[in-house]
Amino acid sequence: MLTTKKINICGVNFDNISRSKLRNILRERLKGSAQNYFIVTPNVDFIVRDNSDINFRNILNRADLSLCDSAIVRNAGFFLGKNIKEKITGWDLLELICANLGMESNCFILGATQEVVKISTNKLEQFYPDVRIVGFHHGYFEKNEDGEIVTMINSANTDILIVAMGSPRQELWVDENKKFLKTKIIICVGGIIDLLAGKAKRAPVWMQGIGLEWFWRLIKEPKRLWKRYLIDDMKFFYLLLKDWAGK
């Protein structure tokens, strides 16, 4: 069984992994009999929330695989002397699955509005003709509907469950319902479905490369995101210095 080295940054564990090794691990998991291999994609927001929410921290650190979804976090790792091989975002993860594993597995998408998730499903099937999407459902359901959603996912013989309900709801939902699911792999990818549907646009590649995706999002949605990025997430740098001082 393939394994990875864990790196802890400001209380959150990250797997030091390359894309090629990630692909091999996913393929191995799809061929095996083990269920619900849980993958999270933490970024700066996760780390800040993690340090004030012990339950959320425990959920992240219990995940089977934790991918670094932030150039800022990766650079913070360099600052701490903890080098993360690659930034692998939720978008990268979804692309890797659809391009390399889509024809080998049944995928189910859970998240966004019904209209958006339907458009996203159609887009994925256009981009990756071999991908097998066996079902989708919007993410705006009540807690008392969890059982119905789980049954729907299991009845579709889902191998890979793609959860895109935003953090921390998606991670909390998976943690609460994982014991009832019968999938091979579960991935949490945040707002990727909105991007696929064209509801939002990704930052230019050059901004992604230097960790300015947050600034792009802030420009696009200032009213919704100014407090998160300009006030709440500033705590990350305090946590980083605290981590550095405690080495």
Protein backbone atom coordinates (compact mmCIF):
# COMPACT_ATOMS: atom_id res chain seq x y z
CA MET A 1 0.00 0.00 0.00
CA LEU A 2 1.34 3.41 -0.99
CA THR A 3 1.94 5.85 1.88
CA THR A 4 2.87 9.53 2.22
CA LYS A 5 4.76 11.70 4.65
CA LYS A 6 2.69 14.07 6.79
CA ILE A 7 3.74 17.69 7.31
CA ASN A 8 2.05 19.81 9.99
CA ILE A 9 1.63 23.53 9.34
CA CYS A 10 -0.08 25.62 12.01
CA GLY A 11 -1.95 22.60 13.35
CA VAL A 12 -3.12 21.15 10.03
CA ASN A 13 -1.61 18.00 8.54
CA PHE A 14 -0.67 17.98 4.85
CA ASP A 15 0.50 15.04 2.77
CA ASN A 16 3.78 15.70 0.97
CA ILE A 17 2.75 14.22 -2.34
CA SER A 18 3.24 14.68 -6.08
CA ARG A 19 0.49 14.48 -8.68
CA SER A 20 1.91 11.24 -10.08
CA LYS A 21 1.89 9.56 -6.67
CA LEU A 22 -1.61 10.89 -5.99
CA ARG A 23 -2.82 9.30 -9.22
CA ASN A 24 -1.27 5.98 -8.20
CA ILE A 25 -2.85 6.11 -4.73
CA LEU A 26 -6.29 6.83 -6.16
CA ARG A 27 -5.99 3.99 -8.67
CA GLU A 28 -4.88 1.65 -5.88
CA ARG A 29 -7.89 2.69 -3.76
CA LEU A 30 -10.31 2.12 -6.62
CA LYS A 31 -8.99 -1.40 -7.14
CA GLY A 32 -9.09 -2.27 -3.43
CA SER A 33 -12.04 -3.21 -1.22
CA ALA A 34 -11.60 -0.46 1.43
CA GLN A 35 -14.31 2.20 1.53
CA ASN A 36 -14.57 5.98 1.86
CA TYR A 37 -10.96 7.12 1.43
CA PHE A 38 -11.48 10.74 2.50
CA ILE A 39 -9.54 13.56 0.81
CA VAL A 40 -9.54 17.21 1.96
CA THR A 41 -7.91 20.27 0.37
CA PRO A 42 -6.99 22.77 3.12
CA ASN A 43 -5.97 26.37 2.44
CA VAL A 44 -5.45 29.50 4.58
CA ASP A 45 -9.16 29.69 5.51
CA PHE A 46 -9.02 26.12 6.81
CA ILE A 47 -5.99 26.81 8.98
CA VAL A 48 -7.55 29.91 10.54
CA ARG A 49 -10.82 28.08 11.25
CA ASP A 50 -8.95 25.01 12.45
CA ASN A 51 -7.25 27.00 15.21
CA SER A 52 -10.54 28.13 16.73
CA ASP A 53 -12.59 24.98 16.09
CA ILE A 54 -11.16 21.77 17.59
CA ASN A 55 -13.84 19.60 15.97
CA PHE A 56 -12.97 20.92 12.53
CA ARG A 57 -9.26 20.38 13.21
CA ASN A 58 -9.91 16.79 14.22
CA ILE A 59 -11.95 16.16 11.07
CA LEU A 60 -9.17 17.53 8.85
CA ASN A 61 -6.45 15.60 10.63
CA ARG A 62 -8.46 12.37 10.52
CA ALA A 63 -8.76 12.61 6.75
CA ASP A 64 -6.91 9.92 4.82
CA LEU A 65 -5.26 12.44 2.52
CA SER A 66 -4.78 16.19 2.89
CA LEU A 67 -3.67 18.16 -0.19
CA CYS A 68 -2.22 21.67 -0.05
CA ASP A 69 -4.69 23.90 -1.92
CA SER A 70 -2.75 27.15 -1.46
CA ALA A 71 0.48 28.68 -2.74
CA ILE A 72 0.54 30.79 0.44
CA VAL A 73 0.44 27.69 2.64
CA ARG A 74 3.09 26.00 0.50
CA ASN A 75 5.34 29.06 0.83
CA ALA A 76 4.67 29.06 4.57
CA GLY A 77 5.96 25.50 4.60
CA PHE A 78 9.21 26.66 2.98
CA PHE A 79 9.47 29.37 5.64
CA LEU A 80 9.13 26.71 8.35
CA GLY A 81 11.58 24.37 6.66
CA LYS A 82 8.75 21.97 5.77
CA ASN A 83 8.80 21.70 2.01
CA ILE A 84 5.58 20.58 0.34
CA LYS A 85 6.29 19.07 -3.09
CA GLU A 86 3.30 20.49 -4.93
CA LYS A 87 0.23 22.64 -4.54
CA ILE A 88 -2.69 20.44 -5.59
CA THR A 89 -6.01 22.28 -5.60
CA GLY A 90 -9.51 20.87 -5.61
CA TRP A 91 -9.65 21.77 -9.31
CA ASP A 92 -6.41 19.84 -9.95
CA LEU A 93 -7.80 16.85 -8.06
CA LEU A 94 -11.05 16.83 -10.03
CA GLU A 95 -9.17 17.14 -13.34
CA LEU A 96 -6.85 14.30 -12.37
CA ILE A 97 -9.79 12.05 -11.55
CA CYS A 98 -11.75 12.85 -14.71
CA ALA A 99 -8.74 12.60 -17.03
CA ASN A 100 -7.19 9.47 -15.55
CA LEU A 101 -9.81 7.57 -13.57
CA GLY A 102 -13.16 8.66 -14.97
CA MET A 103 -13.56 5.66 -17.25
CA GLU A 104 -12.63 3.30 -14.41
CA SER A 105 -15.09 4.59 -11.81
CA ASN A 106 -18.63 5.80 -11.16
CA CYS A 107 -18.71 9.43 -10.02
CA PHE A 108 -21.49 11.22 -8.10
CA ILE A 109 -21.50 15.02 -7.63
CA LEU A 110 -23.08 16.59 -4.54
CA GLY A 111 -23.24 20.36 -4.17
CA ALA A 112 -24.25 23.80 -5.49
CA THR A 113 -27.78 24.49 -6.76
CA GLN A 114 -29.61 21.93 -8.89
CA GLU A 115 -29.18 24.10 -11.99
CA VAL A 116 -25.46 24.64 -11.40
CA VAL A 117 -24.65 21.02 -10.61
CA LYS A 118 -26.55 19.90 -13.73
CA ILE A 119 -24.62 22.34 -15.93
CA SER A 120 -21.34 21.25 -14.33
CA THR A 121 -22.15 17.59 -14.93
CA ASN A 122 -22.81 18.32 -18.60
CA LYS A 123 -19.55 20.30 -18.87
CA LEU A 124 -17.52 17.48 -17.34
CA GLU A 125 -19.08 14.98 -19.75
CA GLN A 126 -18.19 17.30 -22.64
CA PHE A 127 -14.60 17.84 -21.49
CA TYR A 128 -14.07 14.19 -20.57
CA PRO A 129 -16.27 11.97 -22.79
CA ASP A 130 -15.16 8.80 -20.98
CA VAL A 131 -16.09 10.02 -17.49
CA ARG A 132 -18.95 8.08 -15.87
CA ILE A 133 -21.18 10.38 -13.82
CA VAL A 134 -23.90 8.19 -12.35
CA GLY A 135 -25.76 10.90 -10.45
CA PHE A 136 -25.82 14.39 -9.01
CA HIS A 137 -27.77 16.32 -6.39
CA HIS A 138 -27.78 19.91 -5.17
CA GLY A 139 -26.21 20.78 -1.85
CA TYR A 140 -29.13 22.72 -0.38
CA PHE A 141 -30.78 20.03 1.68
CA GLU A 142 -31.71 19.78 5.35
CA LYS A 143 -30.07 17.51 7.90
CA ASN A 144 -33.17 15.30 8.04
CA GLU A 145 -32.61 14.52 4.35
CA ASP A 146 -29.12 13.08 4.91
CA GLY A 147 -30.36 9.50 4.88
CA GLU A 148 -32.15 9.99 1.57
CA ILE A 149 -29.02 11.53 0.02
CA VAL A 150 -26.81 8.70 1.29
CA THR A 151 -29.21 6.10 -0.12
CA MET A 152 -29.21 7.85 -3.49
CA ILE A 153 -25.38 7.85 -3.59
CA ASN A 154 -25.10 4.21 -2.57
CA SER A 155 -27.85 3.07 -4.95
CA ALA A 156 -25.90 4.58 -7.86
CA ASN A 157 -22.94 2.27 -7.06
CA THR A 158 -20.77 5.34 -6.59
CA ASP A 159 -17.01 4.83 -6.53
CA ILE A 160 -15.97 8.49 -6.23
CA LEU A 161 -18.15 10.99 -4.36
CA ILE A 162 -17.38 14.61 -5.25
CA VAL A 163 -18.67 16.92 -2.50
CA ALA A 164 -18.80 20.63 -3.32
CA MET A 165 -20.84 22.32 -0.61
CA GLY A 166 -18.24 24.76 0.69
CA SER A 167 -16.17 24.51 3.84
CA PRO A 168 -16.72 23.65 6.65
CA ARG A 169 -20.14 22.20 5.74
CA GLN A 170 -18.79 19.67 3.25
CA GLU A 171 -16.19 18.26 5.64
CA LEU A 172 -18.68 18.14 8.52
CA TRP A 173 -21.24 16.38 6.32
CA VAL A 174 -18.76 13.74 5.17
CA ASP A 175 -17.53 13.17 8.72
CA GLU A 176 -21.09 12.64 9.97
CA ASN A 177 -22.23 10.41 7.10
CA LYS A 178 -19.10 8.52 6.07
CA LYS A 179 -20.04 5.48 8.15
CA PHE A 180 -23.21 5.07 6.06
CA LEU A 181 -21.63 5.56 2.65
CA LYS A 182 -20.35 2.73 0.44
CA THR A 183 -18.01 4.62 -1.87
CA LYS A 184 -14.31 4.04 -2.56
CA ILE A 185 -13.15 7.67 -2.49
CA ILE A 186 -14.68 10.90 -1.16
CA ILE A 187 -13.24 14.27 -2.17
CA CYS A 188 -14.21 17.74 -0.93
CA VAL A 189 -13.64 20.41 -3.57
CA GLY A 190 -15.44 23.55 -2.35
CA GLY A 191 -16.66 25.94 -5.06
CA ILE A 192 -15.29 24.01 -8.04
CA ILE A 193 -18.77 23.22 -9.34
CA ASP A 194 -19.58 26.94 -9.64
CA LEU A 195 -16.38 27.41 -11.66
CA LEU A 196 -17.25 24.55 -13.99
CA ALA A 197 -20.73 25.95 -14.59
CA GLY A 198 -19.30 29.37 -15.41
CA LYS A 199 -20.92 31.00 -12.40
CA ALA A 200 -17.46 32.12 -11.30
CA LYS A 201 -14.09 32.40 -13.05
CA ARG A 202 -10.70 31.09 -11.97
CA ALA A 203 -7.87 33.52 -11.38
CA PRO A 204 -5.37 33.91 -14.24
CA VAL A 205 -2.61 31.29 -14.18
CA TRP A 206 0.05 33.82 -13.17
CA MET A 207 -2.00 34.83 -10.12
CA GLN A 208 -2.53 31.18 -9.17
CA GLY A 209 1.21 30.60 -9.33
CA ILE A 210 2.13 33.35 -6.87
CA GLY A 211 -0.69 32.85 -4.40
CA LEU A 212 -2.97 35.72 -5.45
CA GLU A 213 -6.12 33.70 -6.12
CA TRP A 214 -7.60 35.23 -2.97
CA PHE A 215 -7.07 38.73 -4.41
CA TRP A 216 -8.84 37.73 -7.63
CA ARG A 217 -11.81 36.44 -5.66
CA LEU A 218 -11.84 39.59 -3.53
CA ILE A 219 -12.00 41.78 -6.65
CA LYS A 220 -14.87 39.69 -8.01
CA GLU A 221 -16.89 39.52 -4.76
CA PRO A 222 -15.72 42.34 -2.46
CA LYS A 223 -18.91 42.59 -0.37
CA ARG A 224 -18.92 38.89 0.46
CA LEU A 225 -15.19 38.31 0.90
CA TRP A 226 -13.55 41.49 2.21
CA LYS A 227 -13.89 40.55 5.87
CA ARG A 228 -12.69 36.97 5.35
CA TYR A 229 -9.57 37.93 3.43
CA LEU A 230 -8.65 41.31 4.92
CA ILE A 231 -9.49 40.65 8.58
CA ASP A 232 -10.16 37.00 9.45
CA ASP A 233 -7.37 35.42 7.38
CA MET A 234 -4.75 37.85 8.65
CA LYS A 235 -4.65 35.63 11.74
CA PHE A 236 -2.81 33.09 9.58
CA PHE A 237 0.40 35.12 9.74
CA TYR A 238 0.22 35.22 13.54
CA LEU A 239 -0.26 31.45 13.56
CA LEU A 240 2.66 31.05 11.16
CA LEU A 241 5.00 33.10 13.38
CA LYS A 242 3.80 31.16 16.41
CA ASP A 243 4.56 27.89 14.62
CA TRP A 244 8.00 29.20 13.60
CA ALA A 245 8.81 30.36 17.13
CA GLY A 246 7.82 27.00 18.56
CA LYS A 247 10.14 24.97 16.34
